[in-house]
Each structure stands twice: as structure tokens, then as C-alpha cells.
Amino acid sequence: MQDDDDEPHITLSDDDLDALEEEVPLLRGVRLFAEEAAQLPWFTALGEPLDREVKRLARDYLDGLGFPDAEPARITSWEDAADAAANMDFDTAQWEAEEQLRAGLATDALEAISEEGLSIALTHVTAILGGRLGAAVREAAAFAEIGDEALMDAAAGAAVQAAHNAALALIAGAEEDHPFRSKFALFARGRWPIGVAGLTLNIF
């Protein structure tokens, strides 16, 4: 067992300390975002009809992502959700579009925060939400008598990724209607926006 005295010590210069102090308000904002996100009704509206707000958020997401001709569609069961999630492996257009957005936000974020600060902030979001979202999706699945662990992991992973991207958008100072914020808002309303297949955004 390693003694505490053997632990590596990180020494920060005065400039490093000044830089971190400047980032504190931004890091505090990300922490608050994660804490509030943990209280949201994750996966509590799966399969329900798409109300006006869900449709609006879906439209903002699709338009911002570059899919103006796509439309949201309701997924009504875990079985259909599994099929829709499986189809994502064959349709990479959405993934590629999100990757481009993510790269742009990362560049913008690094103008407001150091690379170390960005890593700390996003890691904190994952640490706060990972267990909470895993528990939430399993509770929803248990209610429906679903035992597909891979599907539950996919849903929880998608939610964590959406929160991660929304936090990145927050740090980068993106607009309120940024696609990542719209997608996170869909999760925040208890839905699972599974993904775009062809001209359809499947929402469970």
C-alpha cells in the first residue's frame, strides 16, 4: 500500500493559481448545472405522446444539426426503442454532425477556460450524473419489466453524453437554442431522443 508521503504532489505556480481563480465562477456554474440536472425527471415520460414543447425542442435540434427535412417521431415501447438504437449503428450522419459541433464548442470553450479546467468541469458532470442516470433508466425499465442491460446502458450513456455536451455548450457560451441544449432539454423532459435515422428523429 502506498504511503501518503509517496503520493505525487502537484505544485502550481502563481500564474496557474491566478488562472484557476479566474475560472472559479465558470466552474461553479457547471457544478450548479450538474446538481440541478441530477434532480430532473429522467426517463419518466418514455413512450408518451409528443407534446408541443417536445416537438419544438426536436425542431430546434434538427434544424441546428443540419436536418431541416427530418421530423420527430414517437417511439412507444422499449422493443421499438431497441430497434431504433440498433439502427443508429448504420446511420452515422447525426454522429458526424454532432462531432463537428462538439469540436467547434471545444475550441470556443478553450477561449474561456484552460484545458485543465475544461477537463475538470466535464469530468465533474459525468461523476455527478453517471450513477443517477443509470438508476433512473433502470427504474423506468423495471416498471416496464424490461431486463435488457445493454439497452439500459445505451440509454443512460446517451443521457450522460447529452449532459456532457450541454455543459460544454454552457462553458462555450453557446446560444440557448444550440442543438446540444435542445437535445438535453428533451432528456430533461423525461424523454430519450434516440437519434436520427433517415428523415426521422426517434423519440422514446
C-alpha atoms as a PDB file:
ATOM      1  CA  MET A   1       0.000   0.000   0.000  1.00  0.00           C
ATOM      2  CA  GLN A   2       1.397   3.376  -0.963  1.00  0.00           C
ATOM      3  CA  ASP A   3       2.082   5.774   1.898  1.00  0.00           C
ATOM      4  CA  ASP A   4       0.566   9.239   1.725  1.00  0.00           C
ATOM      5  CA  ASP A   5       4.075  10.660   1.636  1.00  0.00           C
ATOM      6  CA  ASP A   6       4.651   8.766  -1.601  1.00  0.00           C
ATOM      7  CA  GLU A   7       1.696  10.386  -3.354  1.00  0.00           C
ATOM      8  CA  PRO A   8       2.738  12.751  -6.151  1.00  0.00           C
ATOM      9  CA  HIS A   9       2.377  16.410  -5.263  1.00  0.00           C
ATOM     10  CA  ILE A  10       1.258  18.917  -7.876  1.00  0.00           C
ATOM     11  CA  THR A  11       2.810  22.344  -7.463  1.00  0.00           C
ATOM     12  CA  LEU A  12       1.006  25.224  -9.092  1.00  0.00           C
ATOM     13  CA  SER A  13       2.776  28.444  -9.989  1.00  0.00           C
ATOM     14  CA  ASP A  14       1.333  31.820  -9.045  1.00  0.00           C
ATOM     15  CA  ASP A  15       0.200  32.221 -12.656  1.00  0.00           C
ATOM     16  CA  ASP A  16      -1.566  28.824 -12.511  1.00  0.00           C
ATOM     17  CA  LEU A  17      -3.334  29.801  -9.308  1.00  0.00           C
ATOM     18  CA  ASP A  18      -4.418  33.125 -10.773  1.00  0.00           C
ATOM     19  CA  ALA A  19      -5.782  31.369 -13.854  1.00  0.00           C
ATOM     20  CA  LEU A  20      -7.770  28.861 -11.780  1.00  0.00           C
ATOM     21  CA  GLU A  21      -9.193  31.657  -9.624  1.00  0.00           C
ATOM     22  CA  GLU A  22     -10.405  33.408 -12.766  1.00  0.00           C
ATOM     23  CA  GLU A  23     -12.149  30.188 -13.821  1.00  0.00           C
ATOM     24  CA  VAL A  24     -13.914  29.621 -10.492  1.00  0.00           C
ATOM     25  CA  PRO A  25     -17.188  31.384 -11.453  1.00  0.00           C
ATOM     26  CA  LEU A  26     -17.418  29.336 -14.652  1.00  0.00           C
ATOM     27  CA  LEU A  27     -16.598  26.089 -12.849  1.00  0.00           C
ATOM     28  CA  ARG A  28     -19.161  26.960 -10.198  1.00  0.00           C
ATOM     29  CA  GLY A  29     -21.766  27.422 -12.933  1.00  0.00           C
ATOM     30  CA  VAL A  30     -21.010  23.964 -14.330  1.00  0.00           C
ATOM     31  CA  ARG A  31     -21.271  22.433 -10.862  1.00  0.00           C
ATOM     32  CA  LEU A  32     -24.662  24.071 -10.372  1.00  0.00           C
ATOM     33  CA  PHE A  33     -25.751  22.796 -13.786  1.00  0.00           C
ATOM     34  CA  ALA A  34     -24.798  19.233 -12.814  1.00  0.00           C
ATOM     35  CA  GLU A  35     -26.501  19.433  -9.426  1.00  0.00           C
ATOM     36  CA  GLU A  36     -29.715  20.757 -10.964  1.00  0.00           C
ATOM     37  CA  ALA A  37     -29.555  18.164 -13.741  1.00  0.00           C
ATOM     38  CA  ALA A  38     -29.396  15.393 -11.153  1.00  0.00           C
ATOM     39  CA  GLN A  39     -32.847  16.453  -9.921  1.00  0.00           C
ATOM     40  CA  LEU A  40     -34.544  16.286 -13.330  1.00  0.00           C
ATOM     41  CA  PRO A  41     -37.243  13.669 -14.109  1.00  0.00           C
ATOM     42  CA  TRP A  42     -35.001  11.470 -16.240  1.00  0.00           C
ATOM     43  CA  PHE A  43     -36.771   8.764 -18.306  1.00  0.00           C
ATOM     44  CA  THR A  44     -40.163   9.403 -16.696  1.00  0.00           C
ATOM     45  CA  ALA A  45     -42.098  10.219 -19.900  1.00  0.00           C
ATOM     46  CA  LEU A  46     -40.894   7.431 -22.177  1.00  0.00           C
ATOM     47  CA  GLY A  47     -43.399   6.496 -24.868  1.00  0.00           C
ATOM     48  CA  GLU A  48     -45.814   9.308 -24.113  1.00  0.00           C
ATOM     49  CA  PRO A  49     -47.287  11.449 -26.926  1.00  0.00           C
ATOM     50  CA  LEU A  50     -45.037  14.207 -28.230  1.00  0.00           C
ATOM     51  CA  ASP A  51     -46.397  17.442 -26.798  1.00  0.00           C
ATOM     52  CA  ARG A  52     -45.884  20.883 -28.325  1.00  0.00           C
ATOM     53  CA  GLU A  53     -42.740  21.660 -26.327  1.00  0.00           C
ATOM     54  CA  VAL A  54     -41.110  18.344 -27.190  1.00  0.00           C
ATOM     55  CA  LYS A  55     -41.851  18.951 -30.867  1.00  0.00           C
ATOM     56  CA  ARG A  56     -40.409  22.476 -30.631  1.00  0.00           C
ATOM     57  CA  LEU A  57     -37.219  21.249 -28.983  1.00  0.00           C
ATOM     58  CA  ALA A  58     -36.916  18.467 -31.552  1.00  0.00           C
ATOM     59  CA  ARG A  59     -37.322  21.014 -34.357  1.00  0.00           C
ATOM     60  CA  ASP A  60     -34.633  23.270 -32.866  1.00  0.00           C
ATOM     61  CA  TYR A  61     -32.299  20.298 -32.525  1.00  0.00           C
ATOM     62  CA  LEU A  62     -32.871  19.047 -36.068  1.00  0.00           C
ATOM     63  CA  ASP A  63     -32.567  22.480 -37.676  1.00  0.00           C
ATOM     64  CA  GLY A  64     -29.434  23.325 -35.722  1.00  0.00           C
ATOM     65  CA  LEU A  65     -27.865  19.973 -36.547  1.00  0.00           C
ATOM     66  CA  GLY A  66     -28.498  20.452 -40.259  1.00  0.00           C
ATOM     67  CA  PHE A  67     -31.511  18.175 -40.782  1.00  0.00           C
ATOM     68  CA  PRO A  68     -34.294  20.623 -41.725  1.00  0.00           C
ATOM     69  CA  ASP A  69     -36.247  17.954 -43.621  1.00  0.00           C
ATOM     70  CA  ALA A  70     -36.309  15.459 -40.748  1.00  0.00           C
ATOM     71  CA  GLU A  71     -39.276  15.166 -38.401  1.00  0.00           C
ATOM     72  CA  PRO A  72     -39.675  13.869 -34.852  1.00  0.00           C
ATOM     73  CA  ALA A  73     -41.464  10.543 -34.430  1.00  0.00           C
ATOM     74  CA  ARG A  74     -42.752   8.879 -31.286  1.00  0.00           C
ATOM     75  CA  ILE A  75     -41.358   5.548 -30.125  1.00  0.00           C
ATOM     76  CA  THR A  76     -43.916   3.826 -27.913  1.00  0.00           C
ATOM     77  CA  SER A  77     -42.156   0.755 -26.490  1.00  0.00           C
ATOM     78  CA  TRP A  78     -38.817  -0.452 -25.216  1.00  0.00           C
ATOM     79  CA  GLU A  79     -38.767  -3.045 -28.011  1.00  0.00           C
ATOM     80  CA  ASP A  80     -39.118  -0.331 -30.666  1.00  0.00           C
ATOM     81  CA  ALA A  81     -36.531   1.753 -28.818  1.00  0.00           C
ATOM     82  CA  ALA A  82     -34.086  -1.149 -29.045  1.00  0.00           C
ATOM     83  CA  ASP A  83     -34.653  -1.387 -32.809  1.00  0.00           C
ATOM     84  CA  ALA A  84     -34.203   2.368 -33.242  1.00  0.00           C
ATOM     85  CA  ALA A  85     -30.999   2.345 -31.183  1.00  0.00           C
ATOM     86  CA  ALA A  86     -29.646  -0.567 -33.226  1.00  0.00           C
ATOM     87  CA  ASN A  87     -30.264   1.357 -36.451  1.00  0.00           C
ATOM     88  CA  MET A  88     -28.017   4.148 -35.178  1.00  0.00           C
ATOM     89  CA  ASP A  89     -25.034   1.887 -35.893  1.00  0.00           C
ATOM     90  CA  PHE A  90     -25.821   2.089 -39.619  1.00  0.00           C
ATOM     91  CA  ASP A  91     -26.652   5.798 -39.899  1.00  0.00           C
ATOM     92  CA  THR A  92     -23.665   7.955 -38.929  1.00  0.00           C
ATOM     93  CA  ALA A  93     -24.823  11.306 -40.314  1.00  0.00           C
ATOM     94  CA  GLN A  94     -26.091  12.511 -36.937  1.00  0.00           C
ATOM     95  CA  TRP A  95     -22.921  11.384 -35.160  1.00  0.00           C
ATOM     96  CA  GLU A  96     -20.731  13.192 -37.687  1.00  0.00           C
ATOM     97  CA  ALA A  97     -22.795  16.395 -37.388  1.00  0.00           C
ATOM     98  CA  GLU A  98     -22.601  16.294 -33.588  1.00  0.00           C
ATOM     99  CA  GLU A  99     -18.854  15.683 -33.702  1.00  0.00           C
ATOM    100  CA  GLN A 100     -18.400  18.833 -35.784  1.00  0.00           C
ATOM    101  CA  LEU A 101     -20.476  20.841 -33.313  1.00  0.00           C
ATOM    102  CA  ARG A 102     -18.568  19.382 -30.385  1.00  0.00           C
ATOM    103  CA  ALA A 103     -15.213  20.298 -31.912  1.00  0.00           C
ATOM    104  CA  GLY A 104     -16.368  23.864 -32.505  1.00  0.00           C
ATOM    105  CA  LEU A 105     -17.644  24.222 -28.930  1.00  0.00           C
ATOM    106  CA  ALA A 106     -14.416  22.821 -27.520  1.00  0.00           C
ATOM    107  CA  THR A 107     -12.445  25.462 -29.420  1.00  0.00           C
ATOM    108  CA  ASP A 108     -14.743  28.214 -28.133  1.00  0.00           C
ATOM    109  CA  ALA A 109     -14.646  26.835 -24.586  1.00  0.00           C
ATOM    110  CA  LEU A 110     -10.854  26.906 -24.505  1.00  0.00           C
ATOM    111  CA  GLU A 111     -11.014  30.642 -25.070  1.00  0.00           C
ATOM    112  CA  ALA A 112     -12.872  30.969 -21.768  1.00  0.00           C
ATOM    113  CA  ILE A 113     -11.256  28.242 -19.674  1.00  0.00           C
ATOM    114  CA  SER A 114      -7.995  26.319 -19.564  1.00  0.00           C
ATOM    115  CA  GLU A 115      -7.732  22.787 -20.921  1.00  0.00           C
ATOM    116  CA  GLU A 116      -7.289  21.534 -17.350  1.00  0.00           C
ATOM    117  CA  GLY A 117     -10.313  23.474 -16.144  1.00  0.00           C
ATOM    118  CA  LEU A 118     -12.425  22.165 -19.025  1.00  0.00           C
ATOM    119  CA  SER A 119     -11.435  18.600 -18.246  1.00  0.00           C
ATOM    120  CA  ILE A 120     -12.233  19.057 -14.555  1.00  0.00           C
ATOM    121  CA  ALA A 121     -15.622  20.595 -15.328  1.00  0.00           C
ATOM    122  CA  LEU A 122     -16.769  17.914 -17.767  1.00  0.00           C
ATOM    123  CA  THR A 123     -15.451  15.088 -15.606  1.00  0.00           C
ATOM    124  CA  HIS A 124     -17.423  16.525 -12.698  1.00  0.00           C
ATOM    125  CA  VAL A 125     -20.630  16.480 -14.746  1.00  0.00           C
ATOM    126  CA  THR A 126     -20.120  12.816 -15.568  1.00  0.00           C
ATOM    127  CA  ALA A 127     -19.297  11.954 -11.962  1.00  0.00           C
ATOM    128  CA  ILE A 128     -22.409  13.682 -10.618  1.00  0.00           C
ATOM    129  CA  LEU A 129     -24.824  12.270 -13.185  1.00  0.00           C
ATOM    130  CA  GLY A 130     -23.495   8.832 -14.085  1.00  0.00           C
ATOM    131  CA  GLY A 131     -24.969   6.908 -11.173  1.00  0.00           C
ATOM    132  CA  ARG A 132     -28.155   8.974 -11.066  1.00  0.00           C
ATOM    133  CA  LEU A 133     -28.984   8.344 -14.717  1.00  0.00           C
ATOM    134  CA  GLY A 134     -28.130   4.672 -14.524  1.00  0.00           C
ATOM    135  CA  ALA A 135     -30.535   4.280 -11.611  1.00  0.00           C
ATOM    136  CA  ALA A 136     -33.256   6.324 -13.330  1.00  0.00           C
ATOM    137  CA  VAL A 137     -33.237   4.276 -16.528  1.00  0.00           C
ATOM    138  CA  ARG A 138     -33.254   1.011 -14.609  1.00  0.00           C
ATOM    139  CA  GLU A 139     -36.215   2.162 -12.574  1.00  0.00           C
ATOM    140  CA  ALA A 140     -38.096   3.012 -15.773  1.00  0.00           C
ATOM    141  CA  ALA A 141     -37.146  -0.306 -17.350  1.00  0.00           C
ATOM    142  CA  ALA A 142     -38.134  -2.291 -14.263  1.00  0.00           C
ATOM    143  CA  PHE A 143     -41.567  -0.667 -14.303  1.00  0.00           C
ATOM    144  CA  ALA A 144     -41.984  -1.955 -17.865  1.00  0.00           C
ATOM    145  CA  GLU A 145     -40.482  -5.327 -16.919  1.00  0.00           C
ATOM    146  CA  ILE A 146     -37.517  -4.825 -19.238  1.00  0.00           C
ATOM    147  CA  GLY A 147     -34.242  -6.548 -18.392  1.00  0.00           C
ATOM    148  CA  ASP A 148     -32.093  -5.632 -21.401  1.00  0.00           C
ATOM    149  CA  GLU A 149     -28.918  -4.356 -19.696  1.00  0.00           C
ATOM    150  CA  ALA A 150     -27.285  -3.299 -22.961  1.00  0.00           C
ATOM    151  CA  LEU A 151     -30.287  -1.184 -23.893  1.00  0.00           C
ATOM    152  CA  MET A 152     -30.406   0.418 -20.453  1.00  0.00           C
ATOM    153  CA  ASP A 153     -26.694   1.180 -20.644  1.00  0.00           C
ATOM    154  CA  ALA A 154     -27.214   2.741 -24.080  1.00  0.00           C
ATOM    155  CA  ALA A 155     -29.998   4.984 -22.762  1.00  0.00           C
ATOM    156  CA  ALA A 156     -28.021   6.064 -19.699  1.00  0.00           C
ATOM    157  CA  GLY A 157     -24.902   6.631 -21.785  1.00  0.00           C
ATOM    158  CA  ALA A 158     -26.815   8.794 -24.248  1.00  0.00           C
ATOM    159  CA  ALA A 159     -28.191  10.884 -21.382  1.00  0.00           C
ATOM    160  CA  VAL A 160     -24.761  11.374 -19.832  1.00  0.00           C
ATOM    161  CA  GLN A 161     -23.370  12.368 -23.233  1.00  0.00           C
ATOM    162  CA  ALA A 162     -26.195  14.862 -23.720  1.00  0.00           C
ATOM    163  CA  ALA A 163     -25.466  16.413 -20.317  1.00  0.00           C
ATOM    164  CA  HIS A 164     -21.744  16.482 -21.122  1.00  0.00           C
ATOM    165  CA  ASN A 165     -22.424  18.292 -24.417  1.00  0.00           C
ATOM    166  CA  ALA A 166     -24.856  20.719 -22.772  1.00  0.00           C
ATOM    167  CA  ALA A 167     -22.206  21.582 -20.182  1.00  0.00           C
ATOM    168  CA  LEU A 168     -19.713  22.158 -22.987  1.00  0.00           C
ATOM    169  CA  ALA A 169     -22.222  24.478 -24.665  1.00  0.00           C
ATOM    170  CA  LEU A 170     -22.631  26.330 -21.358  1.00  0.00           C
ATOM    171  CA  ILE A 171     -18.893  26.815 -20.968  1.00  0.00           C
ATOM    172  CA  ALA A 172     -18.539  27.933 -24.581  1.00  0.00           C
ATOM    173  CA  GLY A 173     -21.338  30.472 -24.165  1.00  0.00           C
ATOM    174  CA  ALA A 174     -23.498  28.921 -26.901  1.00  0.00           C
ATOM    175  CA  GLU A 175     -26.948  30.297 -27.664  1.00  0.00           C
ATOM    176  CA  GLU A 176     -29.989  28.952 -25.812  1.00  0.00           C
ATOM    177  CA  ASP A 177     -31.240  27.233 -28.969  1.00  0.00           C
ATOM    178  CA  HIS A 178     -27.963  25.420 -29.638  1.00  0.00           C
ATOM    179  CA  PRO A 179     -28.711  21.824 -30.737  1.00  0.00           C
ATOM    180  CA  PHE A 180     -26.924  20.360 -27.721  1.00  0.00           C
ATOM    181  CA  ARG A 181     -29.030  22.433 -25.362  1.00  0.00           C
ATOM    182  CA  SER A 182     -32.210  21.412 -27.181  1.00  0.00           C
ATOM    183  CA  LYS A 183     -31.278  17.741 -27.033  1.00  0.00           C
ATOM    184  CA  PHE A 184     -30.502  17.983 -23.326  1.00  0.00           C
ATOM    185  CA  ALA A 185     -33.863  19.688 -22.797  1.00  0.00           C
ATOM    186  CA  LEU A 186     -35.581  16.689 -24.392  1.00  0.00           C
ATOM    187  CA  PHE A 187     -33.892  14.402 -21.879  1.00  0.00           C
ATOM    188  CA  ALA A 188     -34.809  16.875 -19.139  1.00  0.00           C
ATOM    189  CA  ARG A 189     -38.483  16.371 -20.017  1.00  0.00           C
ATOM    190  CA  GLY A 190     -38.196  12.658 -19.334  1.00  0.00           C
ATOM    191  CA  ARG A 191     -37.685  11.569 -22.944  1.00  0.00           C
ATOM    192  CA  TRP A 192     -34.960   9.657 -24.759  1.00  0.00           C
ATOM    193  CA  PRO A 193     -34.175  11.219 -28.158  1.00  0.00           C
ATOM    194  CA  ILE A 194     -32.641   8.074 -29.582  1.00  0.00           C
ATOM    195  CA  GLY A 195     -31.373   9.563 -32.779  1.00  0.00           C
ATOM    196  CA  VAL A 196     -31.850  10.470 -36.420  1.00  0.00           C
ATOM    197  CA  ALA A 197     -32.448   7.664 -38.893  1.00  0.00           C
ATOM    198  CA  GLY A 198     -33.054   8.856 -42.432  1.00  0.00           C
ATOM    199  CA  LEU A 199     -35.531  11.721 -42.064  1.00  0.00           C
ATOM    200  CA  THR A 200     -36.814  10.724 -38.639  1.00  0.00           C
ATOM    201  CA  LEU A 201     -35.749  11.726 -35.136  1.00  0.00           C
ATOM    202  CA  ASN A 202     -36.914   8.827 -32.993  1.00  0.00           C
ATOM    203  CA  ILE A 203     -38.013   9.957 -29.529  1.00  0.00           C
ATOM    204  CA  PHE A 204     -38.940   7.443 -26.834  1.00  0.00           C
END
